[in-house]
Amino acid sequence: MLHFLTLLFSSSTDCQSAASSQSDSSSRWQIRAAQPQDVIGVAQILADSFHSQEGILGWAYPFLRLGIYEDIRNRMHSTSPHYICLVAVDLAAEAATEVSDTTDKLAGTVEMAVRTTLPWDSDRYPDAKRGRSRYPYLSNLAVHPHHRRQGVAGQLLLSCERIAISWGFQDLYLHVLENNHQARQLYCKLGYRLHQVDSSWSAWLLRRPRQLLLYKHLSSASNP
């Protein structure tokens, strides 16, 4: 039921609307793989980024946050070699002796996993055309409200690119909502290009913004 609510009220492929811009403060953030003690903080950032505690759906917020927590925890226990959840740690907060809770140190998060295209979808992905049906896909990019527009999202994305290259892939994919202009500007700045516009009858009937599938061809130069 919790998983259903999460899918009903959110999209795991959307990026939070206040995407961070690049800045000279990148040395403030440590990008690392999420640890079990980070799950609560990751769930909180995602819940705050994708769901509102106000309005008629505010009652569902605690259930959605719990559902996100369980989903993240289950994925982190996956044995797949091609899944990772990254977090950005605020080094300034970590250095403060009064901060002992890991939750207060997390500035952002993103997930990346390898997906497989179906045979009849091979014309949709450049890699599939060359006989490779597996591709790395980004989801759940979110930044804590206190750390937005400080370069966190860009650092997380660049780290994912380096990891995707180390996995042996040359292209990276993600979705963004058509009306999420700030996130689209960030992706454009980092070299992501439109691959496909995903549309559906349900989105049209409910007048929801379309999802844009973006991709970036990765260069080995991105992996210093």
C-alpha atoms as a PDB file:
ATOM      1  CA  MET A   1       0.000   0.000   0.000  1.00  0.00           C
ATOM      2  CA  LEU A   2       2.805   2.422   0.871  1.00  0.00           C
ATOM      3  CA  HIS A   3       4.600   1.611  -2.359  1.00  0.00           C
ATOM      4  CA  PHE A   4       1.341   2.245  -4.256  1.00  0.00           C
ATOM      5  CA  LEU A   5       0.924   5.635  -2.609  1.00  0.00           C
ATOM      6  CA  THR A   6       4.476   6.565  -3.530  1.00  0.00           C
ATOM      7  CA  LEU A   7       3.824   5.731  -7.169  1.00  0.00           C
ATOM      8  CA  LEU A   8       0.460   7.474  -7.122  1.00  0.00           C
ATOM      9  CA  PHE A   9       1.613  10.838  -5.865  1.00  0.00           C
ATOM     10  CA  SER A  10       5.161  10.995  -7.223  1.00  0.00           C
ATOM     11  CA  SER A  11       7.312  10.059 -10.145  1.00  0.00           C
ATOM     12  CA  SER A  12      10.654   8.451  -9.397  1.00  0.00           C
ATOM     13  CA  THR A  13      12.059   9.821 -12.641  1.00  0.00           C
ATOM     14  CA  ASP A  14      11.315  13.496 -11.967  1.00  0.00           C
ATOM     15  CA  CYS A  15      13.961  15.863 -10.668  1.00  0.00           C
ATOM     16  CA  GLN A  16      13.071  18.314  -7.944  1.00  0.00           C
ATOM     17  CA  SER A  17      12.131  21.705  -9.321  1.00  0.00           C
ATOM     18  CA  ALA A  18      14.765  23.867  -7.662  1.00  0.00           C
ATOM     19  CA  ALA A  19      17.759  22.371  -9.425  1.00  0.00           C
ATOM     20  CA  SER A  20      21.105  23.570  -8.154  1.00  0.00           C
ATOM     21  CA  SER A  21      23.464  25.572 -10.348  1.00  0.00           C
ATOM     22  CA  GLN A  22      27.192  25.088 -10.580  1.00  0.00           C
ATOM     23  CA  SER A  23      29.252  27.225  -8.229  1.00  0.00           C
ATOM     24  CA  ASP A  24      32.747  27.587  -6.879  1.00  0.00           C
ATOM     25  CA  SER A  25      31.665  26.014  -3.590  1.00  0.00           C
ATOM     26  CA  SER A  26      31.918  22.435  -4.917  1.00  0.00           C
ATOM     27  CA  SER A  27      34.736  21.690  -2.470  1.00  0.00           C
ATOM     28  CA  ARG A  28      32.204  22.084   0.312  1.00  0.00           C
ATOM     29  CA  TRP A  29      30.451  18.863  -0.685  1.00  0.00           C
ATOM     30  CA  GLN A  30      31.635  15.301  -0.323  1.00  0.00           C
ATOM     31  CA  ILE A  31      29.910  12.961  -2.779  1.00  0.00           C
ATOM     32  CA  ARG A  32      29.833   9.355  -1.588  1.00  0.00           C
ATOM     33  CA  ALA A  33      27.710   6.224  -1.689  1.00  0.00           C
ATOM     34  CA  ALA A  34      24.813   6.297   0.749  1.00  0.00           C
ATOM     35  CA  GLN A  35      25.179   4.239   3.900  1.00  0.00           C
ATOM     36  CA  PRO A  36      22.389   2.556   5.905  1.00  0.00           C
ATOM     37  CA  GLN A  37      22.442   5.411   8.413  1.00  0.00           C
ATOM     38  CA  ASP A  38      21.723   7.860   5.561  1.00  0.00           C
ATOM     39  CA  VAL A  39      18.395   6.321   4.535  1.00  0.00           C
ATOM     40  CA  ILE A  40      16.291   8.462   6.882  1.00  0.00           C
ATOM     41  CA  GLY A  41      17.920  11.641   5.597  1.00  0.00           C
ATOM     42  CA  VAL A  42      17.597  10.561   1.963  1.00  0.00           C
ATOM     43  CA  ALA A  43      13.903   9.778   2.441  1.00  0.00           C
ATOM     44  CA  GLN A  44      13.365  13.160   4.084  1.00  0.00           C
ATOM     45  CA  ILE A  45      15.036  15.052   1.231  1.00  0.00           C
ATOM     46  CA  LEU A  46      13.012  13.164  -1.389  1.00  0.00           C
ATOM     47  CA  ALA A  47       9.747  13.616   0.480  1.00  0.00           C
ATOM     48  CA  ASP A  48      10.328  17.346   0.930  1.00  0.00           C
ATOM     49  CA  SER A  49      11.331  17.748  -2.731  1.00  0.00           C
ATOM     50  CA  PHE A  50       8.507  15.839  -4.363  1.00  0.00           C
ATOM     51  CA  HIS A  51       5.597  16.141  -1.917  1.00  0.00           C
ATOM     52  CA  SER A  52       3.899  18.930  -0.024  1.00  0.00           C
ATOM     53  CA  GLN A  53       2.772  18.817   3.568  1.00  0.00           C
ATOM     54  CA  GLU A  54       0.150  21.419   2.768  1.00  0.00           C
ATOM     55  CA  GLY A  55      -3.198  21.146   0.993  1.00  0.00           C
ATOM     56  CA  ILE A  56      -5.658  18.290   0.722  1.00  0.00           C
ATOM     57  CA  LEU A  57      -2.912  15.702   0.229  1.00  0.00           C
ATOM     58  CA  GLY A  58      -0.938  16.831   3.253  1.00  0.00           C
ATOM     59  CA  TRP A  59      -2.399  13.969   5.275  1.00  0.00           C
ATOM     60  CA  ALA A  60      -0.561  11.503   3.023  1.00  0.00           C
ATOM     61  CA  TYR A  61       2.890  13.025   3.559  1.00  0.00           C
ATOM     62  CA  PRO A  62       3.949  10.770   6.499  1.00  0.00           C
ATOM     63  CA  PHE A  63       2.872   7.664   4.562  1.00  0.00           C
ATOM     64  CA  LEU A  64       4.662   8.810   1.433  1.00  0.00           C
ATOM     65  CA  ARG A  65       7.844   9.511   3.389  1.00  0.00           C
ATOM     66  CA  LEU A  66       7.673   6.076   4.996  1.00  0.00           C
ATOM     67  CA  GLY A  67       7.080   4.476   1.596  1.00  0.00           C
ATOM     68  CA  ILE A  68      10.095   6.283   0.166  1.00  0.00           C
ATOM     69  CA  TYR A  69      12.180   5.158   3.138  1.00  0.00           C
ATOM     70  CA  GLU A  70      11.239   1.507   2.594  1.00  0.00           C
ATOM     71  CA  ASP A  71      11.872   1.714  -1.160  1.00  0.00           C
ATOM     72  CA  ILE A  72      15.311   3.262  -0.694  1.00  0.00           C
ATOM     73  CA  ARG A  73      16.255   0.783   2.006  1.00  0.00           C
ATOM     74  CA  ASN A  74      15.204  -2.167  -0.162  1.00  0.00           C
ATOM     75  CA  ARG A  75      17.122  -0.890  -3.174  1.00  0.00           C
ATOM     76  CA  MET A  76      20.239  -0.307  -1.085  1.00  0.00           C
ATOM     77  CA  HIS A  77      20.083  -3.957  -0.011  1.00  0.00           C
ATOM     78  CA  SER A  78      20.089  -5.006  -3.651  1.00  0.00           C
ATOM     79  CA  THR A  79      23.003  -7.157  -4.760  1.00  0.00           C
ATOM     80  CA  SER A  80      23.016  -5.602  -8.221  1.00  0.00           C
ATOM     81  CA  PRO A  81      26.525  -4.390  -9.166  1.00  0.00           C
ATOM     82  CA  HIS A  82      24.954  -1.614 -11.221  1.00  0.00           C
ATOM     83  CA  TYR A  83      22.914   0.286  -8.668  1.00  0.00           C
ATOM     84  CA  ILE A  84      24.078   3.130  -6.483  1.00  0.00           C
ATOM     85  CA  CYS A  85      22.536   5.812  -4.318  1.00  0.00           C
ATOM     86  CA  LEU A  86      24.788   8.822  -3.868  1.00  0.00           C
ATOM     87  CA  VAL A  87      24.573  11.519  -1.228  1.00  0.00           C
ATOM     88  CA  ALA A  88      26.194  14.930  -0.976  1.00  0.00           C
ATOM     89  CA  VAL A  89      27.515  15.590   2.518  1.00  0.00           C
ATOM     90  CA  ASP A  90      27.859  19.121   3.822  1.00  0.00           C
ATOM     91  CA  LEU A  91      31.471  19.144   5.039  1.00  0.00           C
ATOM     92  CA  ALA A  92      30.922  22.331   6.988  1.00  0.00           C
ATOM     93  CA  ALA A  93      28.139  20.697   8.978  1.00  0.00           C
ATOM     94  CA  GLU A  94      30.166  17.525   9.396  1.00  0.00           C
ATOM     95  CA  ALA A  95      33.045  19.521  10.839  1.00  0.00           C
ATOM     96  CA  ALA A  96      30.786  21.155  13.420  1.00  0.00           C
ATOM     97  CA  THR A  97      31.088  19.216  16.647  1.00  0.00           C
ATOM     98  CA  GLU A  98      27.515  19.970  17.619  1.00  0.00           C
ATOM     99  CA  VAL A  99      26.163  18.112  14.599  1.00  0.00           C
ATOM    100  CA  SER A 100      25.968  14.420  15.389  1.00  0.00           C
ATOM    101  CA  ASP A 101      22.934  13.363  13.334  1.00  0.00           C
ATOM    102  CA  THR A 102      23.821  12.251   9.793  1.00  0.00           C
ATOM    103  CA  THR A 103      20.437  13.525   8.626  1.00  0.00           C
ATOM    104  CA  ASP A 104      21.530  17.122   9.248  1.00  0.00           C
ATOM    105  CA  LYS A 105      24.640  16.699   7.091  1.00  0.00           C
ATOM    106  CA  LEU A 106      22.999  15.527   3.865  1.00  0.00           C
ATOM    107  CA  ALA A 107      22.632  18.198   1.181  1.00  0.00           C
ATOM    108  CA  GLY A 108      21.326  16.096  -1.700  1.00  0.00           C
ATOM    109  CA  THR A 109      20.904  12.662  -3.228  1.00  0.00           C
ATOM    110  CA  VAL A 110      20.543  10.830  -6.540  1.00  0.00           C
ATOM    111  CA  GLU A 111      20.125   7.216  -7.648  1.00  0.00           C
ATOM    112  CA  MET A 112      21.511   5.455 -10.697  1.00  0.00           C
ATOM    113  CA  ALA A 113      20.754   1.963 -11.958  1.00  0.00           C
ATOM    114  CA  VAL A 114      21.125   0.023 -15.179  1.00  0.00           C
ATOM    115  CA  ARG A 115      17.903  -0.633 -17.041  1.00  0.00           C
ATOM    116  CA  THR A 116      17.144  -2.954 -19.924  1.00  0.00           C
ATOM    117  CA  THR A 117      15.213  -1.966 -23.027  1.00  0.00           C
ATOM    118  CA  LEU A 118      12.646  -4.343 -24.445  1.00  0.00           C
ATOM    119  CA  PRO A 119      13.438  -5.799 -27.886  1.00  0.00           C
ATOM    120  CA  TRP A 120      10.575  -3.905 -29.517  1.00  0.00           C
ATOM    121  CA  ASP A 121      11.882  -0.640 -28.064  1.00  0.00           C
ATOM    122  CA  SER A 122      15.318  -0.956 -29.611  1.00  0.00           C
ATOM    123  CA  ASP A 123      14.715   2.001 -31.914  1.00  0.00           C
ATOM    124  CA  ARG A 124      14.268   4.324 -28.934  1.00  0.00           C
ATOM    125  CA  TYR A 125      17.790   4.183 -27.532  1.00  0.00           C
ATOM    126  CA  PRO A 126      21.042   4.783 -29.431  1.00  0.00           C
ATOM    127  CA  ASP A 127      22.872   2.108 -27.437  1.00  0.00           C
ATOM    128  CA  ALA A 128      20.244  -0.489 -28.314  1.00  0.00           C
ATOM    129  CA  LYS A 129      20.763   0.214 -32.010  1.00  0.00           C
ATOM    130  CA  ARG A 130      24.362  -0.858 -31.613  1.00  0.00           C
ATOM    131  CA  GLY A 131      23.313  -4.100 -29.993  1.00  0.00           C
ATOM    132  CA  ARG A 132      23.527  -2.925 -26.395  1.00  0.00           C
ATOM    133  CA  SER A 133      20.149  -3.045 -24.656  1.00  0.00           C
ATOM    134  CA  ARG A 134      21.340  -2.001 -21.198  1.00  0.00           C
ATOM    135  CA  TYR A 135      21.756   1.625 -20.202  1.00  0.00           C
ATOM    136  CA  PRO A 136      22.375   3.605 -16.978  1.00  0.00           C
ATOM    137  CA  TYR A 137      19.448   5.714 -15.833  1.00  0.00           C
ATOM    138  CA  LEU A 138      19.309   8.507 -13.239  1.00  0.00           C
ATOM    139  CA  SER A 139      16.376   9.059 -10.895  1.00  0.00           C
ATOM    140  CA  ASN A 140      15.434  10.800  -7.646  1.00  0.00           C
ATOM    141  CA  LEU A 141      17.803  13.724  -7.961  1.00  0.00           C
ATOM    142  CA  ALA A 142      16.902  16.032  -5.084  1.00  0.00           C
ATOM    143  CA  VAL A 143      18.589  18.725  -3.013  1.00  0.00           C
ATOM    144  CA  HIS A 144      17.783  19.832   0.521  1.00  0.00           C
ATOM    145  CA  PRO A 145      15.925  23.185   0.483  1.00  0.00           C
ATOM    146  CA  HIS A 146      18.714  24.841   2.494  1.00  0.00           C
ATOM    147  CA  HIS A 147      21.358  23.861  -0.066  1.00  0.00           C
ATOM    148  CA  ARG A 148      19.715  24.590  -3.389  1.00  0.00           C
ATOM    149  CA  ARG A 149      21.481  26.711  -6.001  1.00  0.00           C
ATOM    150  CA  GLN A 150      24.856  25.947  -4.431  1.00  0.00           C
ATOM    151  CA  GLY A 151      26.184  23.430  -6.966  1.00  0.00           C
ATOM    152  CA  VAL A 152      25.014  20.258  -5.198  1.00  0.00           C
ATOM    153  CA  ALA A 153      22.963  18.836  -8.075  1.00  0.00           C
ATOM    154  CA  GLY A 154      25.763  19.432 -10.558  1.00  0.00           C
ATOM    155  CA  GLN A 155      28.296  17.635  -8.373  1.00  0.00           C
ATOM    156  CA  LEU A 156      25.962  14.663  -7.961  1.00  0.00           C
ATOM    157  CA  LEU A 157      25.404  14.454 -11.718  1.00  0.00           C
ATOM    158  CA  LEU A 158      29.106  14.617 -12.527  1.00  0.00           C
ATOM    159  CA  SER A 159      29.800  11.856 -10.008  1.00  0.00           C
ATOM    160  CA  CYS A 160      27.139   9.674 -11.664  1.00  0.00           C
ATOM    161  CA  GLU A 161      28.764  10.258 -15.043  1.00  0.00           C
ATOM    162  CA  ARG A 162      32.126   9.075 -13.756  1.00  0.00           C
ATOM    163  CA  ILE A 163      30.554   5.991 -12.216  1.00  0.00           C
ATOM    164  CA  ALA A 164      28.637   5.183 -15.421  1.00  0.00           C
ATOM    165  CA  ILE A 165      31.927   5.321 -17.351  1.00  0.00           C
ATOM    166  CA  SER A 166      33.563   3.025 -14.801  1.00  0.00           C
ATOM    167  CA  TRP A 167      30.664   0.592 -15.377  1.00  0.00           C
ATOM    168  CA  GLY A 168      31.539   0.555 -19.072  1.00  0.00           C
ATOM    169  CA  PHE A 169      28.729   2.732 -20.467  1.00  0.00           C
ATOM    170  CA  GLN A 170      28.982   5.654 -22.849  1.00  0.00           C
ATOM    171  CA  ASP A 171      25.496   7.148 -22.550  1.00  0.00           C
ATOM    172  CA  LEU A 172      23.458   8.264 -19.552  1.00  0.00           C
ATOM    173  CA  TYR A 173      19.683   8.823 -19.484  1.00  0.00           C
ATOM    174  CA  LEU A 174      17.185  10.612 -17.265  1.00  0.00           C
ATOM    175  CA  HIS A 175      13.676  12.039 -17.342  1.00  0.00           C
ATOM    176  CA  VAL A 176      12.596  15.568 -16.510  1.00  0.00           C
ATOM    177  CA  LEU A 177       9.165  17.179 -16.574  1.00  0.00           C
ATOM    178  CA  GLU A 178       8.591  19.527 -19.481  1.00  0.00           C
ATOM    179  CA  ASN A 179       7.668  22.412 -17.160  1.00  0.00           C
ATOM    180  CA  ASN A 180      10.694  21.953 -14.878  1.00  0.00           C
ATOM    181  CA  HIS A 181      12.645  24.765 -16.509  1.00  0.00           C
ATOM    182  CA  GLN A 182      15.336  25.145 -13.844  1.00  0.00           C
ATOM    183  CA  ALA A 183      16.289  21.485 -13.990  1.00  0.00           C
ATOM    184  CA  ARG A 184      16.255  21.554 -17.798  1.00  0.00           C
ATOM    185  CA  GLN A 185      18.644  24.514 -17.782  1.00  0.00           C
ATOM    186  CA  LEU A 186      21.029  22.622 -15.521  1.00  0.00           C
ATOM    187  CA  TYR A 187      20.928  19.510 -17.723  1.00  0.00           C
ATOM    188  CA  CYS A 188      21.468  21.591 -20.862  1.00  0.00           C
ATOM    189  CA  LYS A 189      24.444  23.283 -19.239  1.00  0.00           C
ATOM    190  CA  LEU A 190      25.950  19.886 -18.403  1.00  0.00           C
ATOM    191  CA  GLY A 191      25.500  18.604 -21.958  1.00  0.00           C
ATOM    192  CA  TYR A 192      22.247  16.618 -21.805  1.00  0.00           C
ATOM    193  CA  ARG A 193      20.137  16.623 -24.956  1.00  0.00           C
ATOM    194  CA  LEU A 194      16.567  15.683 -25.770  1.00  0.00           C
ATOM    195  CA  HIS A 195      16.169  12.116 -26.962  1.00  0.00           C
ATOM    196  CA  GLN A 196      12.430  11.612 -26.809  1.00  0.00           C
ATOM    197  CA  VAL A 197       9.206  13.174 -25.580  1.00  0.00           C
ATOM    198  CA  ASP A 198       7.205  10.652 -23.581  1.00  0.00           C
ATOM    199  CA  SER A 199       3.479  11.224 -23.828  1.00  0.00           C
ATOM    200  CA  SER A 200       0.504   9.168 -22.741  1.00  0.00           C
ATOM    201  CA  TRP A 201      -3.255   9.363 -22.842  1.00  0.00           C
ATOM    202  CA  SER A 202      -3.427   9.599 -19.054  1.00  0.00           C
ATOM    203  CA  ALA A 203      -1.101  12.611 -19.017  1.00  0.00           C
ATOM    204  CA  TRP A 204      -3.154  14.270 -21.738  1.00  0.00           C
ATOM    205  CA  LEU A 205      -6.482  13.597 -20.023  1.00  0.00           C
ATOM    206  CA  LEU A 206      -5.216  14.804 -16.644  1.00  0.00           C
ATOM    207  CA  ARG A 207      -3.391  17.737 -18.265  1.00  0.00           C
ATOM    208  CA  ARG A 208      -0.091  16.794 -16.683  1.00  0.00           C
ATOM    209  CA  PRO A 209       3.224  18.010 -18.128  1.00  0.00           C
ATOM    210  CA  ARG A 210       4.964  15.600 -20.450  1.00  0.00           C
ATOM    211  CA  GLN A 211       8.153  13.808 -19.494  1.00  0.00           C
ATOM    212  CA  LEU A 212      11.253  14.465 -21.556  1.00  0.00           C
ATOM    213  CA  LEU A 213      13.818  11.715 -21.916  1.00  0.00           C
ATOM    214  CA  LEU A 214      17.278  13.297 -21.981  1.00  0.00           C
ATOM    215  CA  TYR A 215      20.624  11.656 -22.624  1.00  0.00           C
ATOM    216  CA  LYS A 216      24.276  12.566 -22.554  1.00  0.00           C
ATOM    217  CA  HIS A 217      27.075  10.894 -24.430  1.00  0.00           C
ATOM    218  CA  LEU A 218      29.879  10.456 -21.934  1.00  0.00           C
ATOM    219  CA  SER A 219      33.494  11.072 -22.752  1.00  0.00           C
ATOM    220  CA  SER A 220      36.319   9.325 -20.969  1.00  0.00           C
ATOM    221  CA  ALA A 221      37.599  12.814 -20.273  1.00  0.00           C
ATOM    222  CA  SER A 222      34.775  13.126 -17.757  1.00  0.00           C
ATOM    223  CA  ASN A 223      36.515  10.534 -15.631  1.00  0.00           C
ATOM    224  CA  PRO A 224      39.733  12.114 -14.349  1.00  0.00           C
END
